[in-house]
Every structure is written in structure tokens, then in C-alpha cells.
Amino acid sequence: MQLPYPSSDQIQWQLEQQRQLAAAQWQAQQVQIEQLEALTNQNVATSNQPEATAALQATPPVDLVEQLTQLAALRDQGILTEEEFSTEKAKLLKRD
């Protein structure tokens, strides 16, 4: 029994679907990067300001596991280097 081969239209449709998925994933990663940069900038800005640090500690905790998972995903995708991952991970763990 011979299996039918997909038509060129089907292949083009599949490629377009994959391209759209990749674009959506890239956009989501960009949002995550911006969030991580904001967190890093916030940590740097508040590191020498006791009042701001106390206010930051009074805010509800962000889900640490989710942030670590996002960092690991960015590292696994090659967006973050191992060194950048370790630095950001240490910052997150230090806060808690």
C-alpha cells in the first residue's frame, strides 16, 4: 500500500502554519525578555534604596517557579547564555 504524498498546497499551508507559530513564539519570548529586563532594572534601581526595597518586599510574591521556568526556556532556546541564566536565577533566588 502506497501512502499519498501531500500536495504542494498542503505543504505550503503547513509551512505557513509553522511560520505563524514561530512568529507567535518569538513575540511571546520578546515579552518575557522585556519583563526580565524590567525586573533586572528594578533590582538594580532598588538595590541602594532601603525604602524602595522595603516596598518591593511588601508586594505580593511573584511565582518564583514560573519565572525560573521562563528563564530556563529562554536559555534552552539560546536566547540567554548560561551565564545570563545563572545571573538572573541567582537574583530571583536571592529575593526570596
N, C-alpha and C. Protein backbone atom coordinates (compact mmCIF):
# COMPACT_ATOMS: atom_id res chain seq x y z
N MET A 1 0.83 -1.18 0.00
CA MET A 1 0.00 0.00 0.00
C MET A 1 0.88 1.24 0.00
N GLN A 2 0.61 2.09 -0.92
CA GLN A 2 1.40 3.31 -1.07
C GLN A 2 0.66 4.47 -0.41
N LEU A 3 1.40 5.22 0.43
CA LEU A 3 0.80 6.37 1.11
C LEU A 3 0.78 7.57 0.17
N PRO A 4 -0.29 8.35 0.21
CA PRO A 4 -0.34 9.53 -0.67
C PRO A 4 0.59 10.62 -0.13
N TYR A 5 1.23 11.29 -1.05
CA TYR A 5 2.10 12.41 -0.68
C TYR A 5 1.25 13.67 -0.59
N PRO A 6 1.62 14.57 0.34
CA PRO A 6 0.84 15.82 0.42
C PRO A 6 1.06 16.66 -0.83
N SER A 7 0.05 17.42 -1.18
CA SER A 7 0.17 18.30 -2.34
C SER A 7 1.02 19.51 -1.99
N SER A 8 1.44 20.24 -2.99
CA SER A 8 2.26 21.43 -2.73
C SER A 8 1.45 22.48 -1.96
N ASP A 9 0.14 22.53 -2.19
CA ASP A 9 -0.70 23.45 -1.42
C ASP A 9 -0.73 23.07 0.05
N GLN A 10 -0.80 21.78 0.31
CA GLN A 10 -0.80 21.32 1.70
C GLN A 10 0.53 21.63 2.38
N ILE A 11 1.59 21.43 1.64
CA ILE A 11 2.93 21.71 2.19
C ILE A 11 3.07 23.21 2.46
N GLN A 12 2.63 24.03 1.53
CA GLN A 12 2.69 25.47 1.71
C GLN A 12 1.86 25.90 2.92
N TRP A 13 0.70 25.31 3.09
CA TRP A 13 -0.17 25.63 4.22
C TRP A 13 0.52 25.25 5.53
N GLN A 14 1.12 24.06 5.56
CA GLN A 14 1.82 23.62 6.77
C GLN A 14 3.00 24.53 7.09
N LEU A 15 3.74 24.93 6.06
CA LEU A 15 4.86 25.84 6.28
C LEU A 15 4.38 27.18 6.83
N GLU A 16 3.29 27.68 6.30
CA GLU A 16 2.73 28.95 6.77
C GLU A 16 2.29 28.83 8.23
N GLN A 17 1.67 27.71 8.58
CA GLN A 17 1.24 27.48 9.96
C GLN A 17 2.45 27.46 10.89
N GLN A 18 3.51 26.80 10.46
CA GLN A 18 4.72 26.73 11.28
C GLN A 18 5.36 28.11 11.41
N ARG A 19 5.35 28.89 10.31
CA ARG A 19 5.91 30.24 10.36
C ARG A 19 5.13 31.11 11.33
N GLN A 20 3.80 31.01 11.29
CA GLN A 20 2.96 31.80 12.19
C GLN A 20 3.18 31.40 13.64
N LEU A 21 3.32 30.11 13.88
CA LEU A 21 3.58 29.63 15.24
C LEU A 21 4.93 30.15 15.74
N ALA A 22 5.94 30.07 14.88
CA ALA A 22 7.27 30.56 15.26
C ALA A 22 7.23 32.06 15.55
N ALA A 23 6.49 32.81 14.75
CA ALA A 23 6.38 34.25 14.97
C ALA A 23 5.69 34.55 16.30
N ALA A 24 4.65 33.80 16.61
CA ALA A 24 3.94 34.00 17.88
C ALA A 24 4.84 33.65 19.06
N GLN A 25 5.60 32.57 18.93
CA GLN A 25 6.52 32.19 20.00
C GLN A 25 7.60 33.25 20.17
N TRP A 26 8.09 33.79 19.07
CA TRP A 26 9.12 34.82 19.13
C TRP A 26 8.57 36.05 19.86
N GLN A 27 7.34 36.44 19.53
CA GLN A 27 6.74 37.60 20.18
C GLN A 27 6.57 37.36 21.68
N ALA A 28 6.15 36.16 22.05
CA ALA A 28 6.00 35.83 23.47
C ALA A 28 7.35 35.89 24.18
N GLN A 29 8.38 35.43 23.50
CA GLN A 29 9.72 35.47 24.09
C GLN A 29 10.20 36.92 24.26
N GLN A 30 9.85 37.77 23.32
CA GLN A 30 10.23 39.18 23.43
C GLN A 30 9.57 39.82 24.65
N VAL A 31 8.32 39.46 24.89
CA VAL A 31 7.61 39.97 26.07
C VAL A 31 8.31 39.48 27.33
N GLN A 32 8.69 38.20 27.34
CA GLN A 32 9.38 37.66 28.50
C GLN A 32 10.72 38.35 28.73
N ILE A 33 11.43 38.61 27.65
CA ILE A 33 12.72 39.30 27.76
C ILE A 33 12.52 40.70 28.34
N GLU A 34 11.50 41.39 27.85
CA GLU A 34 11.22 42.74 28.36
C GLU A 34 10.87 42.68 29.85
N GLN A 35 10.11 41.67 30.25
CA GLN A 35 9.75 41.53 31.66
C GLN A 35 11.00 41.26 32.50
N LEU A 36 11.87 40.40 32.01
CA LEU A 36 13.11 40.11 32.73
C LEU A 36 14.01 41.34 32.81
N GLU A 37 14.08 42.09 31.72
CA GLU A 37 14.87 43.33 31.75
C GLU A 37 14.29 44.32 32.75
N ALA A 38 12.97 44.41 32.80
CA ALA A 38 12.33 45.32 33.75
C ALA A 38 12.63 44.88 35.18
N LEU A 39 12.55 43.58 35.43
CA LEU A 39 12.87 43.07 36.76
C LEU A 39 14.32 43.35 37.12
N THR A 40 15.22 43.15 36.17
CA THR A 40 16.64 43.41 36.42
C THR A 40 16.87 44.88 36.71
N ASN A 41 16.26 45.74 35.88
CA ASN A 41 16.42 47.18 36.10
C ASN A 41 15.83 47.60 37.44
N GLN A 42 14.72 46.98 37.80
CA GLN A 42 14.08 47.29 39.09
C GLN A 42 14.99 46.86 40.23
N ASN A 43 15.61 45.69 40.09
CA ASN A 43 16.52 45.21 41.13
C ASN A 43 17.73 46.13 41.27
N VAL A 44 18.27 46.58 40.14
CA VAL A 44 19.42 47.47 40.17
C VAL A 44 19.02 48.82 40.77
N ALA A 45 17.87 49.33 40.37
CA ALA A 45 17.44 50.64 40.85
C ALA A 45 17.14 50.63 42.34
N THR A 46 16.65 49.53 42.85
CA THR A 46 16.26 49.50 44.27
C THR A 46 17.34 48.93 45.18
N SER A 47 18.44 48.45 44.63
CA SER A 47 19.46 47.81 45.46
C SER A 47 20.07 48.76 46.47
N ASN A 48 20.12 50.05 46.16
CA ASN A 48 20.72 51.03 47.07
C ASN A 48 19.69 51.93 47.73
N GLN A 49 18.42 51.59 47.64
CA GLN A 49 17.38 52.42 48.21
C GLN A 49 16.57 51.60 49.22
N PRO A 50 16.85 51.75 50.52
CA PRO A 50 16.17 50.93 51.52
C PRO A 50 14.65 51.06 51.50
N GLU A 51 14.13 52.27 51.27
CA GLU A 51 12.68 52.44 51.27
C GLU A 51 12.04 51.68 50.11
N ALA A 52 12.65 51.80 48.94
CA ALA A 52 12.11 51.11 47.77
C ALA A 52 12.24 49.59 47.94
N THR A 53 13.32 49.14 48.55
CA THR A 53 13.50 47.71 48.79
C THR A 53 12.43 47.19 49.74
N ALA A 54 12.13 47.95 50.77
CA ALA A 54 11.09 47.54 51.71
C ALA A 54 9.73 47.50 51.02
N ALA A 55 9.46 48.47 50.17
CA ALA A 55 8.19 48.47 49.44
C ALA A 55 8.10 47.30 48.48
N LEU A 56 9.21 46.98 47.83
CA LEU A 56 9.23 45.85 46.91
C LEU A 56 8.99 44.54 47.66
N GLN A 57 9.55 44.41 48.84
CA GLN A 57 9.36 43.20 49.64
C GLN A 57 7.94 43.09 50.16
N ALA A 58 7.24 44.22 50.29
CA ALA A 58 5.87 44.20 50.79
C ALA A 58 4.86 43.81 49.72
N THR A 59 5.29 43.83 48.44
CA THR A 59 4.37 43.46 47.36
C THR A 59 4.19 41.94 47.35
N PRO A 60 3.06 41.47 46.83
CA PRO A 60 2.84 40.02 46.78
C PRO A 60 3.95 39.35 45.98
N PRO A 61 4.39 38.17 46.41
CA PRO A 61 5.48 37.48 45.70
C PRO A 61 5.05 37.03 44.31
N VAL A 62 5.97 37.15 43.38
CA VAL A 62 5.74 36.66 42.03
C VAL A 62 6.06 35.17 42.03
N ASP A 63 5.36 34.41 41.23
CA ASP A 63 5.56 32.97 41.21
C ASP A 63 6.99 32.65 40.77
N LEU A 64 7.81 32.28 41.74
CA LEU A 64 9.23 32.02 41.51
C LEU A 64 9.43 30.85 40.55
N VAL A 65 8.66 29.81 40.72
CA VAL A 65 8.81 28.64 39.85
C VAL A 65 8.53 29.01 38.39
N GLU A 66 7.51 29.82 38.18
CA GLU A 66 7.17 30.24 36.81
C GLU A 66 8.29 31.08 36.21
N GLN A 67 8.85 31.98 37.01
CA GLN A 67 9.94 32.81 36.50
C GLN A 67 11.17 31.97 36.17
N LEU A 68 11.48 31.02 37.04
CA LEU A 68 12.63 30.15 36.78
C LEU A 68 12.40 29.30 35.54
N THR A 69 11.16 28.84 35.36
CA THR A 69 10.81 28.05 34.18
C THR A 69 10.97 28.89 32.92
N GLN A 70 10.53 30.15 32.98
CA GLN A 70 10.67 31.03 31.82
C GLN A 70 12.15 31.29 31.51
N LEU A 71 12.93 31.51 32.56
CA LEU A 71 14.37 31.71 32.34
C LEU A 71 15.00 30.49 31.69
N ALA A 72 14.65 29.31 32.19
CA ALA A 72 15.21 28.07 31.64
C ALA A 72 14.80 27.90 30.18
N ALA A 73 13.57 28.26 29.87
CA ALA A 73 13.10 28.14 28.47
C ALA A 73 13.90 29.09 27.58
N LEU A 74 14.14 30.31 28.05
CA LEU A 74 14.92 31.26 27.26
C LEU A 74 16.35 30.76 27.06
N ARG A 75 16.91 30.15 28.09
CA ARG A 75 18.26 29.58 27.97
C ARG A 75 18.26 28.42 26.99
N ASP A 76 17.28 27.53 27.11
CA ASP A 76 17.20 26.36 26.24
C ASP A 76 17.01 26.74 24.78
N GLN A 77 16.37 27.87 24.54
CA GLN A 77 16.13 28.33 23.17
C GLN A 77 17.31 29.14 22.64
N GLY A 78 18.32 29.34 23.47
CA GLY A 78 19.50 30.07 23.02
C GLY A 78 19.38 31.57 23.12
N ILE A 79 18.31 32.05 23.73
CA ILE A 79 18.12 33.50 23.86
C ILE A 79 19.00 34.05 24.97
N LEU A 80 19.12 33.29 26.06
CA LEU A 80 20.01 33.65 27.16
C LEU A 80 21.21 32.70 27.16
N THR A 81 22.36 33.24 27.48
CA THR A 81 23.53 32.37 27.65
C THR A 81 23.42 31.70 29.02
N GLU A 82 24.25 30.71 29.24
CA GLU A 82 24.25 30.02 30.52
C GLU A 82 24.62 31.00 31.65
N GLU A 83 25.54 31.91 31.35
CA GLU A 83 25.95 32.91 32.35
C GLU A 83 24.80 33.87 32.68
N GLU A 84 24.10 34.34 31.65
CA GLU A 84 22.96 35.24 31.88
C GLU A 84 21.87 34.53 32.68
N PHE A 85 21.63 33.27 32.32
CA PHE A 85 20.64 32.48 33.05
C PHE A 85 21.02 32.37 34.52
N SER A 86 22.27 32.02 34.79
CA SER A 86 22.73 31.85 36.17
C SER A 86 22.63 33.15 36.96
N THR A 87 22.97 34.26 36.32
CA THR A 87 22.89 35.57 36.99
C THR A 87 21.46 35.90 37.36
N GLU A 88 20.55 35.75 36.39
CA GLU A 88 19.14 36.07 36.66
C GLU A 88 18.53 35.10 37.68
N LYS A 89 18.92 33.85 37.61
CA LYS A 89 18.42 32.85 38.56
C LYS A 89 18.88 33.21 39.98
N ALA A 90 20.14 33.59 40.11
CA ALA A 90 20.66 33.97 41.42
C ALA A 90 19.91 35.17 41.97
N LYS A 91 19.60 36.15 41.10
CA LYS A 91 18.86 37.33 41.54
C LYS A 91 17.46 36.93 42.04
N LEU A 92 16.81 36.05 41.30
CA LEU A 92 15.47 35.61 41.71
C LEU A 92 15.52 34.87 43.04
N LEU A 93 16.48 33.99 43.19
CA LEU A 93 16.57 33.20 44.42
C LEU A 93 16.98 34.06 45.62
N LYS A 94 17.76 35.08 45.37
CA LYS A 94 18.19 35.98 46.44
C LYS A 94 17.02 36.77 47.01
N ARG A 95 16.04 37.09 46.14
CA ARG A 95 14.89 37.89 46.60
C ARG A 95 14.02 37.11 47.57
N ASP A 96 13.93 35.82 47.41
CA ASP A 96 13.01 35.05 48.26
C ASP A 96 13.67 34.54 49.50
